[in-house]
């Protein structure tokens, strides 16, 4: 993005910068949602908490309005987010504990599927 800002000299500057910023926002939301194991309510709670901390000196009615509008807008954005898990996997670094938990979770899922198939 910095390279684009510093070196672009043609008519594509604005549209390309807008695209890059939007794509960055979508990737950031997708990464946060991934880290929160897909829980949209948890992502909303994190963002609401941050808004409330940043707005400590603002009228509480305005903060309530802001958080409710953000919640509605976030829901719409997440429904239409073009970034898929495969697009952000190169950013994810698994710790040993997370990797073990994911493998155990996958094994349990497979065992449950197998037991349902037997029944």
Protein backbone atom coordinates (compact mmCIF):
# COMPACT_ATOMS: atom_id res chain seq x y z
CA UNK A 1 0.00 0.00 0.00
CA UNK A 2 2.82 2.38 0.89
CA UNK A 3 4.47 1.69 -2.45
CA UNK A 4 1.23 2.56 -4.24
CA UNK A 5 0.89 5.82 -2.30
CA UNK A 6 4.49 6.83 -2.95
CA UNK A 7 4.84 5.75 -6.56
CA UNK A 8 1.48 5.87 -8.32
CA UNK A 9 1.21 8.90 -10.60
CA UNK A 10 -1.72 8.03 -12.85
CA UNK A 11 -5.51 8.11 -12.70
CA UNK A 12 -5.71 4.76 -10.84
CA UNK A 13 -4.41 6.25 -7.58
CA UNK A 14 -7.75 6.86 -5.84
CA UNK A 15 -9.67 3.77 -6.95
CA UNK A 16 -6.70 1.48 -6.32
CA UNK A 17 -6.06 2.96 -2.87
CA UNK A 18 -9.74 2.57 -1.97
CA UNK A 19 -9.65 -1.06 -3.13
CA UNK A 20 -6.51 -1.77 -1.10
CA UNK A 21 -7.96 -0.20 2.06
CA UNK A 22 -11.26 -2.07 1.66
CA UNK A 23 -9.44 -5.36 1.05
CA UNK A 24 -7.31 -4.74 4.16
CA UNK A 25 -10.44 -4.12 6.24
CA UNK A 26 -12.07 -7.31 4.95
CA UNK A 27 -8.93 -9.32 5.70
CA UNK A 28 -8.68 -7.82 9.18
CA UNK A 29 -12.30 -8.73 9.95
CA UNK A 30 -11.83 -12.24 8.55
CA UNK A 31 -8.68 -12.75 10.65
CA UNK A 32 -10.38 -11.53 13.80
CA UNK A 33 -13.35 -13.78 13.14
CA UNK A 34 -10.99 -16.71 12.50
CA UNK A 35 -9.15 -16.09 15.77
CA UNK A 36 -12.47 -15.93 17.61
CA UNK A 37 -13.41 -19.32 16.10
CA UNK A 38 -16.11 -17.84 13.89
CA UNK A 39 -18.10 -16.29 16.72
CA UNK A 40 -19.67 -13.11 15.32
CA UNK A 41 -21.04 -12.21 18.76
CA UNK A 42 -17.53 -12.33 20.20
CA UNK A 43 -16.24 -10.06 17.42
CA UNK A 44 -19.09 -7.64 18.04
CA UNK A 45 -18.34 -7.66 21.77
CA UNK A 46 -14.65 -6.92 21.15
CA UNK A 47 -15.47 -4.00 18.86
CA UNK A 48 -18.18 -2.66 21.20
CA UNK A 49 -15.77 -2.81 24.14
CA UNK A 50 -13.20 -0.86 22.14
CA UNK A 51 -15.76 1.76 21.10
CA UNK A 52 -16.87 2.20 24.72
CA UNK A 53 -13.25 2.59 25.91
CA UNK A 54 -12.50 5.16 23.21
CA UNK A 55 -15.74 7.02 23.95
CA UNK A 56 -15.46 7.25 27.73
CA UNK A 57 -16.08 11.01 27.72
CA UNK A 58 -18.90 10.94 25.15
CA UNK A 59 -22.62 11.12 25.93
CA UNK A 60 -23.75 7.52 26.75
CA UNK A 61 -26.77 7.85 24.45
CA UNK A 62 -24.49 8.63 21.54
CA UNK A 63 -22.22 5.70 22.42
CA UNK A 64 -25.24 3.36 22.58
CA UNK A 65 -26.41 4.59 19.18
CA UNK A 66 -22.91 4.19 17.75
CA UNK A 67 -22.52 0.63 19.02
CA UNK A 68 -25.96 -0.41 17.79
CA UNK A 69 -25.30 1.06 14.33
CA UNK A 70 -21.89 -0.62 14.22
CA UNK A 71 -23.45 -3.96 15.18
CA UNK A 72 -25.97 -3.75 12.34
CA UNK A 73 -23.36 -2.62 9.83
CA UNK A 74 -20.88 -5.29 10.93
CA UNK A 75 -23.50 -7.99 10.43
CA UNK A 76 -24.06 -6.84 6.83
CA UNK A 77 -20.32 -6.54 6.14
CA UNK A 78 -19.60 -10.04 7.47
CA UNK A 79 -22.39 -11.53 5.36
CA UNK A 80 -20.81 -10.07 2.21
CA UNK A 81 -17.12 -10.38 3.10
CA UNK A 82 -15.38 -11.73 -0.02
CA UNK A 83 -12.35 -12.92 2.00
CA UNK A 84 -12.39 -16.64 2.67
CA UNK A 85 -10.36 -18.61 5.21
CA UNK A 86 -8.02 -19.77 2.45
CA UNK A 87 -7.23 -16.10 1.69
CA UNK A 88 -5.97 -15.42 5.21
CA UNK A 89 -4.33 -18.73 6.13
CA UNK A 90 -0.90 -17.38 5.20
CA UNK A 91 -1.25 -14.84 8.05
CA UNK A 92 -2.12 -17.46 10.68
CA UNK A 93 0.62 -18.87 12.89
CA UNK A 94 -0.51 -21.86 14.93
CA UNK A 95 1.00 -22.49 18.32
CA UNK A 96 1.66 -26.08 19.34
CA UNK A 97 -1.33 -26.05 21.69
CA UNK A 98 -3.70 -24.73 18.99
CA UNK A 99 -2.47 -27.29 16.47
CA UNK A 100 -3.01 -30.12 18.97
CA UNK A 101 -6.50 -28.85 19.84
CA UNK A 102 -7.45 -28.61 16.16
CA UNK A 103 -6.26 -32.16 15.47
CA UNK A 104 -8.16 -33.48 18.51
CA UNK A 105 -11.26 -31.57 17.42
CA UNK A 106 -11.00 -33.02 13.90
CA UNK A 107 -10.60 -36.55 15.32
CA UNK A 108 -13.66 -36.10 17.55
CA UNK A 109 -15.70 -34.83 14.60
CA UNK A 110 -14.67 -37.81 12.50
CA UNK A 111 -15.50 -40.22 15.36
CA UNK A 112 -18.93 -38.65 15.77
CA UNK A 113 -19.57 -38.90 12.04
CA UNK A 114 -18.44 -42.55 12.05
CA UNK A 115 -20.70 -43.40 15.00
CA UNK A 116 -23.66 -41.72 13.28
CA UNK A 117 -22.97 -43.70 10.11
CA UNK A 118 -22.97 -46.96 12.12
CA UNK A 119 -26.32 -46.18 13.66
